[in-house]
């Protein structure tokens, strides 16, 4: 993702991403979530470009991290569906 498109994404989805992120926090089990020493310490935005894929793009500060996890995609989409 280029810097220009990332800035457009951040500007266009800042509020939506914050609401979606709040919904995701509510779906996680407190017993299963254990922070690691490498956990992000800044804003993280989540992008699922294709709901049928297993790819999740995380925008962490100035970095972009791509994760392949179908279960995570499903949980994000389920949580996002509850915010409409």
Protein backbone atom coordinates (compact mmCIF):
# COMPACT_ATOMS: atom_id res chain seq x y z
CA UNK A 1 0.00 0.00 0.00
CA UNK A 2 1.55 3.30 -1.02
CA UNK A 3 1.90 6.17 1.45
CA UNK A 4 -0.67 8.19 -0.51
CA UNK A 5 -3.32 5.48 -0.46
CA UNK A 6 -2.57 4.76 3.21
CA UNK A 7 -3.17 8.42 4.07
CA UNK A 8 -6.43 8.39 2.11
CA UNK A 9 -7.45 5.19 3.88
CA UNK A 10 -6.64 6.65 7.30
CA UNK A 11 -8.50 9.86 6.56
CA UNK A 12 -11.55 8.11 5.15
CA UNK A 13 -11.85 5.32 7.71
CA UNK A 14 -10.51 6.76 10.94
CA UNK A 15 -13.89 6.83 12.72
CA UNK A 16 -15.11 3.57 11.15
CA UNK A 17 -11.89 1.77 12.06
CA UNK A 18 -12.11 2.99 15.64
CA UNK A 19 -15.69 1.70 15.94
CA UNK A 20 -14.75 -1.60 14.31
CA UNK A 21 -11.76 -1.95 16.60
CA UNK A 22 -13.97 -1.43 19.64
CA UNK A 23 -16.27 -4.18 18.40
CA UNK A 24 -13.31 -6.51 17.94
CA UNK A 25 -12.12 -5.95 21.48
CA UNK A 26 -15.54 -6.97 22.73
CA UNK A 27 -15.40 -10.29 20.87
CA UNK A 28 -12.05 -11.45 22.22
CA UNK A 29 -11.91 -13.71 25.23
CA UNK A 30 -9.95 -12.14 28.06
CA UNK A 31 -8.58 -15.55 29.03
CA UNK A 32 -7.13 -16.21 25.57
CA UNK A 33 -5.54 -12.80 24.97
CA UNK A 34 -2.09 -12.50 26.48
CA UNK A 35 0.06 -9.51 25.47
CA UNK A 36 3.58 -10.29 24.34
CA UNK A 37 6.69 -8.17 24.67
CA UNK A 38 6.42 -7.47 20.90
CA UNK A 39 2.78 -6.23 21.03
CA UNK A 40 2.06 -2.96 19.20
CA UNK A 41 2.08 0.14 21.35
CA UNK A 42 0.43 2.46 18.86
CA UNK A 43 -2.73 2.69 16.76
CA UNK A 44 -3.42 -0.38 14.63
CA UNK A 45 -5.87 -0.28 11.73
CA UNK A 46 -7.14 -3.51 10.19
CA UNK A 47 -7.94 -3.92 6.49
CA UNK A 48 -9.65 -6.94 4.96
CA UNK A 49 -9.53 -6.13 1.26
CA UNK A 50 -11.23 -9.34 0.10
CA UNK A 51 -13.70 -10.96 2.52
CA UNK A 52 -13.25 -14.30 0.72
CA UNK A 53 -9.50 -14.40 1.27
CA UNK A 54 -7.39 -15.21 4.32
CA UNK A 55 -5.37 -11.97 4.14
CA UNK A 56 -5.52 -9.29 6.83
CA UNK A 57 -3.44 -6.13 6.44
CA UNK A 58 -2.47 -4.34 9.64
CA UNK A 59 -1.41 -0.70 9.43
CA UNK A 60 0.80 -0.10 12.46
CA UNK A 61 2.08 3.45 12.64
CA UNK A 62 4.12 3.82 9.45
CA UNK A 63 4.40 0.05 8.88
CA UNK A 64 2.23 -2.46 7.07
CA UNK A 65 2.00 -6.06 8.29
CA UNK A 66 0.26 -8.77 6.24
CA UNK A 67 -1.17 -11.76 8.10
CA UNK A 68 -2.73 -14.84 6.48
CA UNK A 69 -5.36 -16.21 8.86
CA UNK A 70 -8.83 -17.21 7.64
CA UNK A 71 -10.20 -17.51 11.19
CA UNK A 72 -9.08 -13.95 11.95
CA UNK A 73 -10.75 -12.68 8.74
CA UNK A 74 -13.98 -14.39 9.77
CA UNK A 75 -13.89 -12.95 13.29
CA UNK A 76 -13.20 -9.43 11.96
CA UNK A 77 -16.05 -9.65 9.45
CA UNK A 78 -18.42 -10.99 12.11
CA UNK A 79 -17.50 -8.16 14.48
CA UNK A 80 -17.80 -5.53 11.74
CA UNK A 81 -21.25 -6.82 10.82
CA UNK A 82 -22.45 -6.01 14.31
CA UNK A 83 -21.57 -2.30 13.99
CA UNK A 84 -24.10 -1.44 11.27
